[in-house]
Amino acid sequence: MDDKHMTIKIFDDKKSEDSYVLWSPVENKELHVVTSKGWVLQGEDSPPVLLEENKKYKVSKSVSYKIHKGSGDLILGVLAL
């Protein structure tokens, strides 16, 4: 049986955007968007993707990502694959 668990990450919109500049996951992950208003995820050499509530996105350990700040907090469920 798999012992996978989901971690909740909260990005506070009151922090400066510089706080969320770059993210390089150490393993492949799946993001479950709980709350997002205008937050954007952009992988290196990829176009930006609007993070929509109740949708899932896969991120690869071999890619660096930038999270562009929206309004309100960004709440993600993060599951290691």
Protein backbone atom coordinates (compact mmCIF):
# COMPACT_ATOMS: atom_id res chain seq x y z
CA MET A 1 0.00 0.00 0.00
CA ASP A 2 1.19 3.51 -0.83
CA ASP A 3 1.90 5.86 2.08
CA LYS A 4 1.41 9.06 0.09
CA HIS A 5 0.06 12.06 1.90
CA MET A 6 -0.88 15.54 0.82
CA THR A 7 0.84 18.62 2.21
CA ILE A 8 -1.03 21.92 2.33
CA LYS A 9 0.92 24.99 1.18
CA ILE A 10 -0.38 28.52 1.72
CA PHE A 11 1.12 31.44 -0.18
CA ASP A 12 0.17 34.64 1.66
CA ASP A 13 -0.77 37.49 -0.69
CA LYS A 14 0.50 40.00 1.89
CA LYS A 15 4.11 38.97 1.22
CA SER A 16 6.05 40.56 -1.61
CA GLU A 17 6.12 38.70 -4.91
CA ASP A 18 9.89 38.23 -4.50
CA SER A 19 9.09 35.70 -1.76
CA TYR A 20 7.71 33.31 -4.39
CA VAL A 21 10.18 33.79 -7.21
CA LEU A 22 11.55 30.31 -7.84
CA TRP A 23 10.62 26.78 -6.89
CA SER A 24 12.51 23.63 -7.90
CA PRO A 25 10.75 20.53 -6.57
CA VAL A 26 13.01 17.66 -5.48
CA GLU A 27 10.49 15.11 -6.76
CA ASN A 28 7.57 15.03 -9.20
CA LYS A 29 4.43 16.48 -7.64
CA GLU A 30 0.77 17.04 -8.31
CA LEU A 31 -0.73 20.35 -7.24
CA HIS A 32 -4.39 20.45 -6.19
CA VAL A 33 -5.57 24.07 -6.25
CA VAL A 34 -7.90 24.85 -3.36
CA THR A 35 -7.95 28.67 -3.58
CA SER A 36 -6.48 30.87 -6.30
CA LYS A 37 -7.46 34.25 -7.67
CA GLY A 38 -5.14 35.21 -10.48
CA TRP A 39 -2.11 33.21 -9.31
CA VAL A 40 0.02 31.86 -12.17
CA LEU A 41 2.52 29.01 -12.41
CA GLN A 42 5.28 29.21 -15.00
CA GLY A 43 7.84 26.51 -15.71
CA GLU A 44 11.16 27.50 -17.23
CA ASP A 45 10.86 27.86 -21.02
CA SER A 46 7.06 27.41 -20.77
CA PRO A 47 4.16 29.83 -21.07
CA PRO A 48 2.45 30.88 -17.83
CA VAL A 49 -0.57 28.85 -16.67
CA LEU A 50 -3.39 30.39 -14.65
CA LEU A 51 -3.97 28.26 -11.53
CA GLU A 52 -7.69 27.52 -11.42
CA GLU A 53 -9.54 26.40 -8.30
CA ASN A 54 -10.44 22.68 -8.11
CA LYS A 55 -7.95 21.75 -10.87
CA LYS A 56 -4.79 19.62 -10.71
CA TYR A 57 -1.40 20.41 -12.22
CA LYS A 58 1.71 18.23 -12.48
CA VAL A 59 5.15 19.67 -11.82
CA SER A 60 8.39 17.92 -12.66
CA LYS A 61 11.48 17.67 -10.50
CA SER A 62 13.64 18.54 -13.50
CA VAL A 63 12.05 21.98 -14.00
CA SER A 64 12.24 25.25 -12.07
CA TYR A 65 8.97 27.12 -11.59
CA LYS A 66 8.03 30.69 -10.84
CA ILE A 67 4.80 31.46 -9.03
CA HIS A 68 3.33 34.83 -10.02
CA LYS A 69 1.28 36.47 -7.31
CA GLY A 70 -2.46 36.98 -7.70
CA SER A 71 -4.92 38.43 -5.21
CA GLY A 72 -5.89 36.69 -2.00
CA ASP A 73 -4.00 33.69 -0.68
CA LEU A 74 -2.99 30.75 -2.87
CA ILE A 75 -3.79 27.44 -1.15
CA LEU A 76 -2.45 24.24 -2.68
CA GLY A 77 -2.59 20.60 -1.77
CA VAL A 78 0.78 19.09 -2.82
CA LEU A 79 1.06 15.37 -3.44
CA ALA A 80 4.37 13.62 -4.18
CA LEU A 81 4.09 11.26 -7.15
